[in-house]
Amino acid sequence: MEQSRAYTIAELDQRSPHLPAIAEWLNEEWGAAQGYSLDQTLAWCRDIAGDDDQCLLAALADEQLLGAVLVVHCDLPSHAHLRPWVSGLYVDKAERGRGIGIALAQAASDWTRQRHPVLYLFAPEGRLIAFYSGLGWRPLEAFSRNGVRYRIMQRQLLPSRQTPR
């Protein structure tokens, strides 16, 4: 049995050499089906990584990219009044089942907690809803798009407690 490698979660900036690989993952998984080119997805990743109020987090083991997640202003234009959103949580297929997705989702919540009281996401109904529910996300609203049922979920983020001096 192969021993699991340790990994860290890091916030990436616009100069990160990992942005092209993340853009490729996101474009293959979601972007191309929505009409975005790889160049457009890469530009979006760079914009997020360069914005102080949005972020791109990556799971890395010895500089090898294992997964990524974004916190963005809006991931669902019909609900632009809700912000911010978790977007594009993706773990490399060879690395799944090691808790990396859980760690990335938690890191996105931790990053957001200092800025906003609530975080949103949407996912197709099914196992992803169970995954996020297990992490403290609660259903907010359901909708359909192209014959697929989705659920908008929210996670209440309590401010970090500071130790009295």
N, C-alpha and C. Protein backbone atom coordinates (compact mmCIF):
# COMPACT_ATOMS: atom_id res chain seq x y z
N MET A 1 0.84 -1.18 0.00
CA MET A 1 0.00 0.00 0.00
C MET A 1 0.89 1.24 0.00
N GLU A 2 0.58 2.17 -0.90
CA GLU A 2 1.36 3.40 -1.00
C GLU A 2 0.99 4.32 0.15
N GLN A 3 2.02 4.90 0.77
CA GLN A 3 1.79 5.81 1.88
C GLN A 3 1.39 7.19 1.35
N SER A 4 0.40 7.81 1.99
CA SER A 4 -0.06 9.12 1.57
C SER A 4 1.02 10.17 1.80
N ARG A 5 1.17 11.05 0.81
CA ARG A 5 2.11 12.15 0.95
C ARG A 5 1.45 13.29 1.69
N ALA A 6 2.26 14.01 2.44
CA ALA A 6 1.76 15.21 3.11
C ALA A 6 1.57 16.30 2.06
N TYR A 7 0.58 17.13 2.28
CA TYR A 7 0.34 18.25 1.37
C TYR A 7 0.00 19.48 2.18
N THR A 8 0.11 20.62 1.53
CA THR A 8 -0.25 21.89 2.14
C THR A 8 -1.26 22.58 1.22
N ILE A 9 -1.99 23.52 1.80
CA ILE A 9 -2.91 24.35 1.02
C ILE A 9 -2.29 25.74 0.97
N ALA A 10 -2.13 26.28 -0.24
CA ALA A 10 -1.50 27.59 -0.41
C ALA A 10 -2.37 28.47 -1.29
N GLU A 11 -2.37 29.76 -1.00
CA GLU A 11 -3.03 30.73 -1.87
C GLU A 11 -2.07 31.07 -3.00
N LEU A 12 -2.54 30.98 -4.23
CA LEU A 12 -1.70 31.25 -5.39
C LEU A 12 -1.88 32.69 -5.85
N ASP A 13 -0.81 33.23 -6.43
CA ASP A 13 -0.90 34.55 -7.04
C ASP A 13 -0.80 34.43 -8.56
N GLN A 14 -0.84 35.55 -9.24
CA GLN A 14 -0.86 35.55 -10.70
C GLN A 14 0.39 34.96 -11.34
N ARG A 15 1.47 34.89 -10.61
CA ARG A 15 2.73 34.37 -11.16
C ARG A 15 2.90 32.88 -10.94
N SER A 16 1.95 32.24 -10.31
CA SER A 16 2.10 30.82 -9.99
C SER A 16 2.24 29.97 -11.25
N PRO A 17 3.21 29.06 -11.25
CA PRO A 17 3.35 28.16 -12.40
C PRO A 17 2.23 27.12 -12.48
N HIS A 18 1.39 27.03 -11.45
CA HIS A 18 0.30 26.05 -11.42
C HIS A 18 -0.98 26.53 -12.11
N LEU A 19 -1.07 27.81 -12.42
CA LEU A 19 -2.31 28.35 -13.01
C LEU A 19 -2.69 27.67 -14.32
N PRO A 20 -1.76 27.41 -15.25
CA PRO A 20 -2.17 26.74 -16.49
C PRO A 20 -2.78 25.35 -16.26
N ALA A 21 -2.23 24.58 -15.34
CA ALA A 21 -2.77 23.24 -15.06
C ALA A 21 -4.15 23.35 -14.41
N ILE A 22 -4.33 24.30 -13.51
CA ILE A 22 -5.63 24.50 -12.88
C ILE A 22 -6.66 24.91 -13.93
N ALA A 23 -6.28 25.83 -14.79
CA ALA A 23 -7.19 26.27 -15.85
C ALA A 23 -7.57 25.11 -16.76
N GLU A 24 -6.62 24.23 -17.04
CA GLU A 24 -6.92 23.07 -17.88
C GLU A 24 -7.93 22.16 -17.19
N TRP A 25 -7.73 21.88 -15.90
CA TRP A 25 -8.68 21.07 -15.14
C TRP A 25 -10.08 21.70 -15.21
N LEU A 26 -10.16 22.99 -14.87
CA LEU A 26 -11.46 23.67 -14.79
C LEU A 26 -12.14 23.73 -16.15
N ASN A 27 -11.34 23.96 -17.19
CA ASN A 27 -11.93 24.04 -18.52
C ASN A 27 -12.44 22.69 -18.99
N GLU A 28 -11.69 21.64 -18.71
CA GLU A 28 -12.13 20.29 -19.10
C GLU A 28 -13.38 19.87 -18.33
N GLU A 29 -13.42 20.21 -17.05
CA GLU A 29 -14.53 19.76 -16.20
C GLU A 29 -15.81 20.57 -16.42
N TRP A 30 -15.68 21.90 -16.57
CA TRP A 30 -16.86 22.76 -16.64
C TRP A 30 -16.82 23.81 -17.74
N GLY A 31 -15.71 24.46 -17.92
CA GLY A 31 -15.62 25.63 -18.79
C GLY A 31 -15.96 25.39 -20.25
N ALA A 32 -15.38 24.35 -20.84
CA ALA A 32 -15.62 24.09 -22.26
C ALA A 32 -17.10 23.84 -22.54
N ALA A 33 -17.77 23.13 -21.64
CA ALA A 33 -19.20 22.85 -21.82
C ALA A 33 -20.04 24.13 -21.75
N GLN A 34 -19.49 25.16 -21.11
CA GLN A 34 -20.19 26.44 -21.02
C GLN A 34 -19.72 27.43 -22.10
N GLY A 35 -18.87 26.95 -23.00
CA GLY A 35 -18.44 27.77 -24.12
C GLY A 35 -17.17 28.56 -23.90
N TYR A 36 -16.43 28.29 -22.83
CA TYR A 36 -15.20 29.02 -22.57
C TYR A 36 -14.00 28.30 -23.17
N SER A 37 -13.07 29.07 -23.72
CA SER A 37 -11.83 28.50 -24.23
C SER A 37 -10.86 28.33 -23.06
N LEU A 38 -9.83 27.54 -23.28
CA LEU A 38 -8.80 27.37 -22.26
C LEU A 38 -8.15 28.72 -21.94
N ASP A 39 -7.90 29.55 -22.94
CA ASP A 39 -7.30 30.87 -22.71
C ASP A 39 -8.20 31.74 -21.85
N GLN A 40 -9.51 31.68 -22.06
CA GLN A 40 -10.45 32.45 -21.24
C GLN A 40 -10.44 31.95 -19.79
N THR A 41 -10.39 30.63 -19.63
CA THR A 41 -10.37 30.06 -18.28
C THR A 41 -9.08 30.44 -17.57
N LEU A 42 -7.95 30.41 -18.28
CA LEU A 42 -6.67 30.82 -17.68
C LEU A 42 -6.71 32.29 -17.29
N ALA A 43 -7.25 33.14 -18.14
CA ALA A 43 -7.35 34.57 -17.81
C ALA A 43 -8.22 34.77 -16.57
N TRP A 44 -9.31 34.01 -16.46
CA TRP A 44 -10.18 34.09 -15.28
C TRP A 44 -9.41 33.68 -14.02
N CYS A 45 -8.66 32.59 -14.10
CA CYS A 45 -7.86 32.15 -12.95
C CYS A 45 -6.86 33.23 -12.54
N ARG A 46 -6.21 33.85 -13.51
CA ARG A 46 -5.25 34.91 -13.21
C ARG A 46 -5.94 36.11 -12.55
N ASP A 47 -7.13 36.45 -13.04
CA ASP A 47 -7.89 37.56 -12.44
C ASP A 47 -8.22 37.26 -10.99
N ILE A 48 -8.67 36.05 -10.72
CA ILE A 48 -9.02 35.65 -9.35
C ILE A 48 -7.79 35.69 -8.46
N ALA A 49 -6.68 35.12 -8.94
CA ALA A 49 -5.45 35.05 -8.16
C ALA A 49 -4.86 36.44 -7.90
N GLY A 50 -5.26 37.44 -8.68
CA GLY A 50 -4.73 38.78 -8.51
C GLY A 50 -5.66 39.73 -7.78
N ASP A 51 -6.75 39.22 -7.24
CA ASP A 51 -7.77 40.06 -6.60
C ASP A 51 -7.73 39.83 -5.09
N ASP A 52 -7.65 40.92 -4.33
CA ASP A 52 -7.57 40.79 -2.87
C ASP A 52 -8.86 40.27 -2.23
N ASP A 53 -10.00 40.36 -2.93
CA ASP A 53 -11.27 39.93 -2.36
C ASP A 53 -11.77 38.62 -2.97
N GLN A 54 -10.90 37.94 -3.72
CA GLN A 54 -11.17 36.61 -4.27
C GLN A 54 -9.87 35.83 -4.12
N CYS A 55 -9.95 34.51 -4.24
CA CYS A 55 -8.69 33.75 -4.10
C CYS A 55 -8.75 32.45 -4.87
N LEU A 56 -7.56 31.94 -5.14
CA LEU A 56 -7.37 30.64 -5.74
C LEU A 56 -6.44 29.88 -4.80
N LEU A 57 -6.96 28.80 -4.22
CA LEU A 57 -6.20 27.99 -3.29
C LEU A 57 -5.84 26.67 -3.94
N ALA A 58 -4.66 26.16 -3.64
CA ALA A 58 -4.22 24.90 -4.24
C ALA A 58 -3.66 23.97 -3.17
N ALA A 59 -3.90 22.68 -3.35
CA ALA A 59 -3.28 21.65 -2.52
C ALA A 59 -2.01 21.22 -3.25
N LEU A 60 -0.88 21.28 -2.53
CA LEU A 60 0.42 20.98 -3.12
C LEU A 60 1.19 19.99 -2.25
N ALA A 61 1.86 19.06 -2.89
CA ALA A 61 2.78 18.14 -2.21
C ALA A 61 4.11 18.26 -2.93
N ASP A 62 5.09 18.82 -2.26
CA ASP A 62 6.40 19.03 -2.88
C ASP A 62 6.26 19.72 -4.23
N GLU A 63 5.47 20.77 -4.28
CA GLU A 63 5.22 21.56 -5.49
C GLU A 63 4.41 20.84 -6.57
N GLN A 64 3.96 19.61 -6.30
CA GLN A 64 3.07 18.93 -7.25
C GLN A 64 1.65 19.34 -6.93
N LEU A 65 0.92 19.75 -7.96
CA LEU A 65 -0.45 20.19 -7.81
C LEU A 65 -1.37 18.99 -7.63
N LEU A 66 -2.16 19.00 -6.54
CA LEU A 66 -3.09 17.91 -6.24
C LEU A 66 -4.55 18.31 -6.43
N GLY A 67 -4.84 19.58 -6.23
CA GLY A 67 -6.21 20.05 -6.34
C GLY A 67 -6.27 21.55 -6.17
N ALA A 68 -7.45 22.12 -6.41
CA ALA A 68 -7.61 23.57 -6.30
C ALA A 68 -9.07 23.93 -6.03
N VAL A 69 -9.27 25.12 -5.53
CA VAL A 69 -10.61 25.68 -5.32
C VAL A 69 -10.49 27.20 -5.43
N LEU A 70 -11.57 27.82 -5.88
CA LEU A 70 -11.61 29.27 -5.99
C LEU A 70 -12.70 29.83 -5.09
N VAL A 71 -12.49 31.02 -4.56
CA VAL A 71 -13.53 31.80 -3.90
C VAL A 71 -13.70 33.03 -4.79
N VAL A 72 -14.92 33.17 -5.35
CA VAL A 72 -15.19 34.22 -6.34
C VAL A 72 -16.37 35.07 -5.91
N HIS A 73 -16.45 36.27 -6.50
CA HIS A 73 -17.58 37.16 -6.20
C HIS A 73 -18.90 36.52 -6.57
N CYS A 74 -18.98 35.93 -7.77
CA CYS A 74 -20.25 35.39 -8.25
C CYS A 74 -19.99 34.17 -9.13
N ASP A 75 -20.68 33.08 -8.85
CA ASP A 75 -20.57 31.88 -9.67
C ASP A 75 -21.88 31.54 -10.35
N LEU A 76 -22.93 32.31 -10.06
CA LEU A 76 -24.24 32.06 -10.62
C LEU A 76 -24.90 33.41 -10.90
N PRO A 77 -24.81 33.91 -12.15
CA PRO A 77 -25.30 35.26 -12.45
C PRO A 77 -26.74 35.53 -12.01
N SER A 78 -27.60 34.53 -12.01
CA SER A 78 -28.98 34.75 -11.57
C SER A 78 -29.07 35.05 -10.08
N HIS A 79 -27.98 34.81 -9.36
CA HIS A 79 -27.95 35.06 -7.92
C HIS A 79 -26.76 35.95 -7.55
N ALA A 80 -26.52 36.96 -8.36
CA ALA A 80 -25.38 37.86 -8.14
C ALA A 80 -25.48 38.63 -6.83
N HIS A 81 -26.68 38.68 -6.24
CA HIS A 81 -26.85 39.36 -4.95
C HIS A 81 -26.24 38.56 -3.80
N LEU A 82 -25.94 37.30 -4.02
CA LEU A 82 -25.29 36.47 -3.01
C LEU A 82 -23.79 36.49 -3.29
N ARG A 83 -23.00 36.67 -2.25
CA ARG A 83 -21.56 36.63 -2.44
C ARG A 83 -20.86 36.40 -1.14
N PRO A 84 -19.70 35.77 -1.20
CA PRO A 84 -18.96 35.16 -2.30
C PRO A 84 -19.34 33.69 -2.47
N TRP A 85 -18.74 33.07 -3.49
CA TRP A 85 -19.05 31.69 -3.86
C TRP A 85 -17.80 30.83 -3.90
N VAL A 86 -17.93 29.58 -3.49
CA VAL A 86 -16.92 28.57 -3.77
C VAL A 86 -17.15 28.14 -5.21
N SER A 87 -16.09 28.05 -5.98
CA SER A 87 -16.21 27.67 -7.37
C SER A 87 -15.09 26.71 -7.75
N GLY A 88 -15.40 25.77 -8.60
CA GLY A 88 -14.38 24.93 -9.21
C GLY A 88 -13.54 24.09 -8.27
N LEU A 89 -14.12 23.55 -7.21
CA LEU A 89 -13.35 22.66 -6.36
C LEU A 89 -13.03 21.41 -7.18
N TYR A 90 -11.75 21.16 -7.36
CA TYR A 90 -11.31 20.04 -8.20
C TYR A 90 -10.10 19.39 -7.57
N VAL A 91 -10.12 18.06 -7.52
CA VAL A 91 -8.98 17.27 -7.06
C VAL A 91 -8.57 16.35 -8.19
N ASP A 92 -7.27 16.30 -8.46
CA ASP A 92 -6.74 15.42 -9.50
C ASP A 92 -7.29 14.01 -9.28
N LYS A 93 -7.71 13.37 -10.36
CA LYS A 93 -8.35 12.05 -10.24
C LYS A 93 -7.48 11.04 -9.51
N ALA A 94 -6.18 11.09 -9.70
CA ALA A 94 -5.27 10.15 -9.04
C ALA A 94 -5.13 10.42 -7.54
N GLU A 95 -5.58 11.58 -7.09
CA GLU A 95 -5.40 11.97 -5.69
C GLU A 95 -6.70 11.94 -4.88
N ARG A 96 -7.79 11.56 -5.50
CA ARG A 96 -9.09 11.56 -4.82
C ARG A 96 -9.15 10.49 -3.73
N GLY A 97 -9.97 10.76 -2.73
CA GLY A 97 -10.14 9.81 -1.63
C GLY A 97 -9.14 9.99 -0.50
N ARG A 98 -8.36 11.05 -0.54
CA ARG A 98 -7.35 11.31 0.50
C ARG A 98 -7.73 12.45 1.42
N GLY A 99 -8.93 13.02 1.23
CA GLY A 99 -9.35 14.14 2.07
C GLY A 99 -8.93 15.51 1.54
N ILE A 100 -8.38 15.55 0.34
CA ILE A 100 -7.91 16.82 -0.23
C ILE A 100 -9.10 17.74 -0.52
N GLY A 101 -10.18 17.20 -1.04
CA GLY A 101 -11.37 18.02 -1.30
C GLY A 101 -11.92 18.64 -0.03
N ILE A 102 -11.95 17.86 1.03
CA ILE A 102 -12.40 18.36 2.34
C ILE A 102 -11.49 19.48 2.80
N ALA A 103 -10.18 19.28 2.69
CA ALA A 103 -9.21 20.30 3.12
C ALA A 103 -9.35 21.57 2.29
N LEU A 104 -9.57 21.44 0.98
CA LEU A 104 -9.73 22.62 0.13
C LEU A 104 -11.02 23.36 0.47
N ALA A 105 -12.11 22.63 0.69
CA ALA A 105 -13.37 23.28 1.05
C ALA A 105 -13.24 24.01 2.38
N GLN A 106 -12.54 23.41 3.33
CA GLN A 106 -12.33 24.06 4.63
C GLN A 106 -11.43 25.28 4.50
N ALA A 107 -10.41 25.18 3.68
CA ALA A 107 -9.51 26.32 3.47
C ALA A 107 -10.26 27.49 2.82
N ALA A 108 -11.16 27.20 1.89
CA ALA A 108 -11.97 28.25 1.28
C ALA A 108 -12.84 28.93 2.33
N SER A 109 -13.43 28.14 3.22
CA SER A 109 -14.24 28.71 4.31
C SER A 109 -13.38 29.54 5.25
N ASP A 110 -12.21 29.03 5.60
CA ASP A 110 -11.32 29.77 6.51
C ASP A 110 -10.88 31.09 5.90
N TRP A 111 -10.53 31.08 4.61
CA TRP A 111 -10.10 32.30 3.93
C TRP A 111 -11.24 33.33 3.93
N THR A 112 -12.45 32.87 3.66
CA THR A 112 -13.62 33.75 3.54
C THR A 112 -14.06 34.29 4.89
N ARG A 113 -13.91 33.52 5.93
CA ARG A 113 -14.40 33.86 7.28
C ARG A 113 -13.93 35.25 7.72
N GLN A 114 -12.74 35.66 7.33
CA GLN A 114 -12.21 36.97 7.73
C GLN A 114 -12.83 38.12 6.95
N ARG A 115 -13.62 37.80 5.91
CA ARG A 115 -14.14 38.83 5.01
C ARG A 115 -15.67 38.87 4.91
N HIS A 116 -16.30 37.71 5.07
CA HIS A 116 -17.75 37.61 4.85
C HIS A 116 -18.36 36.62 5.85
N PRO A 117 -19.64 36.83 6.22
CA PRO A 117 -20.27 35.93 7.20
C PRO A 117 -20.87 34.66 6.59
N VAL A 118 -21.06 34.64 5.26
CA VAL A 118 -21.70 33.50 4.60
C VAL A 118 -20.95 33.21 3.31
N LEU A 119 -20.90 31.95 2.94
CA LEU A 119 -20.28 31.50 1.70
C LEU A 119 -21.29 30.64 0.96
N TYR A 120 -21.34 30.74 -0.36
CA TYR A 120 -22.32 30.03 -1.18
C TYR A 120 -21.64 29.11 -2.19
N LEU A 121 -22.39 28.14 -2.67
CA LEU A 121 -21.96 27.31 -3.79
C LEU A 121 -23.20 26.71 -4.42
N PHE A 122 -23.02 26.16 -5.62
CA PHE A 122 -24.11 25.37 -6.20
C PHE A 122 -23.49 24.11 -6.78
N ALA A 123 -24.28 23.05 -6.71
CA ALA A 123 -23.80 21.74 -7.18
C ALA A 123 -25.00 20.93 -7.68
N PRO A 124 -24.74 19.99 -8.59
CA PRO A 124 -25.84 19.13 -9.04
C PRO A 124 -26.30 18.24 -7.89
N GLU A 125 -27.59 17.97 -7.86
CA GLU A 125 -28.10 17.11 -6.80
C GLU A 125 -27.46 15.73 -6.92
N GLY A 126 -27.17 15.13 -5.77
CA GLY A 126 -26.52 13.83 -5.74
C GLY A 126 -25.42 13.80 -4.69
N ARG A 127 -24.37 13.09 -5.00
CA ARG A 127 -23.32 12.85 -4.00
C ARG A 127 -22.58 14.11 -3.56
N LEU A 128 -22.48 15.12 -4.45
CA LEU A 128 -21.81 16.35 -4.04
C LEU A 128 -22.60 17.09 -2.96
N ILE A 129 -23.92 17.02 -3.04
CA ILE A 129 -24.74 17.65 -2.01
C ILE A 129 -24.48 16.97 -0.67
N ALA A 130 -24.39 15.65 -0.67
CA ALA A 130 -24.08 14.91 0.56
C ALA A 130 -22.69 15.29 1.08
N PHE A 131 -21.72 15.42 0.16
CA PHE A 131 -20.36 15.80 0.54
C PHE A 131 -20.37 17.15 1.26
N TYR A 132 -20.99 18.15 0.64
CA TYR A 132 -21.00 19.49 1.24
C TYR A 132 -21.86 19.54 2.51
N SER A 133 -22.96 18.81 2.54
CA SER A 133 -23.79 18.77 3.75
C SER A 133 -22.98 18.26 4.93
N GLY A 134 -22.15 17.27 4.69
CA GLY A 134 -21.29 16.72 5.73
C GLY A 134 -20.25 17.70 6.25
N LEU A 135 -20.01 18.76 5.48
CA LEU A 135 -19.03 19.78 5.88
C LEU A 135 -19.70 21.02 6.47
N GLY A 136 -21.01 20.93 6.72
CA GLY A 136 -21.70 22.04 7.37
C GLY A 136 -22.46 22.97 6.44
N TRP A 137 -22.53 22.64 5.17
CA TRP A 137 -23.29 23.44 4.21
C TRP A 137 -24.77 23.07 4.32
N ARG A 138 -25.65 24.07 4.14
CA ARG A 138 -27.08 23.84 4.22
C ARG A 138 -27.76 24.28 2.93
N PRO A 139 -28.81 23.54 2.50
CA PRO A 139 -29.52 23.91 1.27
C PRO A 139 -30.22 25.25 1.41
N LEU A 140 -30.19 26.00 0.33
CA LEU A 140 -30.84 27.30 0.31
C LEU A 140 -31.95 27.32 -0.73
N GLU A 141 -31.67 26.79 -1.92
CA GLU A 141 -32.64 26.87 -3.02
C GLU A 141 -32.28 25.83 -4.08
N ALA A 142 -33.29 25.33 -4.76
CA ALA A 142 -33.07 24.39 -5.87
C ALA A 142 -33.44 25.07 -7.18
N PHE A 143 -32.79 24.65 -8.26
CA PHE A 143 -33.13 25.14 -9.59
C PHE A 143 -32.71 24.10 -10.62
N SER A 144 -33.24 24.24 -11.83
CA SER A 144 -32.89 23.34 -12.93
C SER A 144 -32.26 24.15 -14.05
N ARG A 145 -31.29 23.52 -14.71
CA ARG A 145 -30.66 24.12 -15.88
C ARG A 145 -30.30 23.01 -16.84
N ASN A 146 -30.76 23.12 -18.07
CA ASN A 146 -30.49 22.11 -19.10
C ASN A 146 -30.87 20.70 -18.63
N GLY A 147 -31.99 20.60 -17.92
CA GLY A 147 -32.49 19.31 -17.48
C GLY A 147 -31.78 18.72 -16.27
N VAL A 148 -30.88 19.47 -15.66
CA VAL A 148 -30.15 19.01 -14.48
C VAL A 148 -30.63 19.80 -13.26
N ARG A 149 -30.90 19.10 -12.16
CA ARG A 149 -31.32 19.74 -10.91
C ARG A 149 -30.08 20.12 -10.11
N TYR A 150 -30.06 21.36 -9.66
CA TYR A 150 -28.97 21.89 -8.84
C TYR A 150 -29.52 22.38 -7.53
N ARG A 151 -28.64 22.50 -6.58
CA ARG A 151 -29.00 23.06 -5.29
C ARG A 151 -27.97 24.13 -4.94
N ILE A 152 -28.49 25.31 -4.57
CA ILE A 152 -27.64 26.36 -4.01
C ILE A 152 -27.51 26.05 -2.53
N MET A 153 -26.30 26.12 -2.02
CA MET A 153 -26.05 25.83 -0.61
C MET A 153 -25.32 27.02 0.01
N GLN A 154 -25.45 27.14 1.31
CA GLN A 154 -24.76 28.21 2.03
C GLN A 154 -24.09 27.64 3.27
N ARG A 155 -23.03 28.29 3.67
CA ARG A 155 -22.36 27.93 4.91
C ARG A 155 -22.19 29.19 5.73
N GLN A 156 -22.77 29.19 6.92
CA GLN A 156 -22.61 30.30 7.83
C GLN A 156 -21.20 30.23 8.40
N LEU A 157 -20.51 31.36 8.36
CA LEU A 157 -19.13 31.42 8.85
C LEU A 157 -19.08 32.31 10.07
N LEU A 158 -18.71 31.74 11.18
CA LEU A 158 -18.59 32.54 12.39
C LEU A 158 -17.21 33.18 12.41
N PRO A 159 -17.15 34.43 12.86
CA PRO A 159 -15.83 35.07 12.93
C PRO A 159 -14.92 34.28 13.87
N SER A 160 -13.64 34.30 13.55
CA SER A 160 -12.66 33.64 14.42
C SER A 160 -12.71 34.29 15.78
N ARG A 161 -12.66 33.48 16.80
CA ARG A 161 -12.66 34.01 18.16
C ARG A 161 -11.25 34.45 18.51
N GLN A 162 -11.16 35.65 19.05
CA GLN A 162 -9.85 36.16 19.43
C GLN A 162 -9.67 35.94 20.93
N THR A 163 -8.48 35.59 21.30
CA THR A 163 -8.17 35.37 22.70
C THR A 163 -8.07 36.72 23.41
N PRO A 164 -8.75 36.86 24.56
CA PRO A 164 -8.65 38.13 25.30
C PRO A 164 -7.21 38.35 25.76
N ARG A 165 -6.84 39.63 25.79
CA ARG A 165 -5.46 39.96 26.23
C ARG A 165 -5.42 40.27 27.68
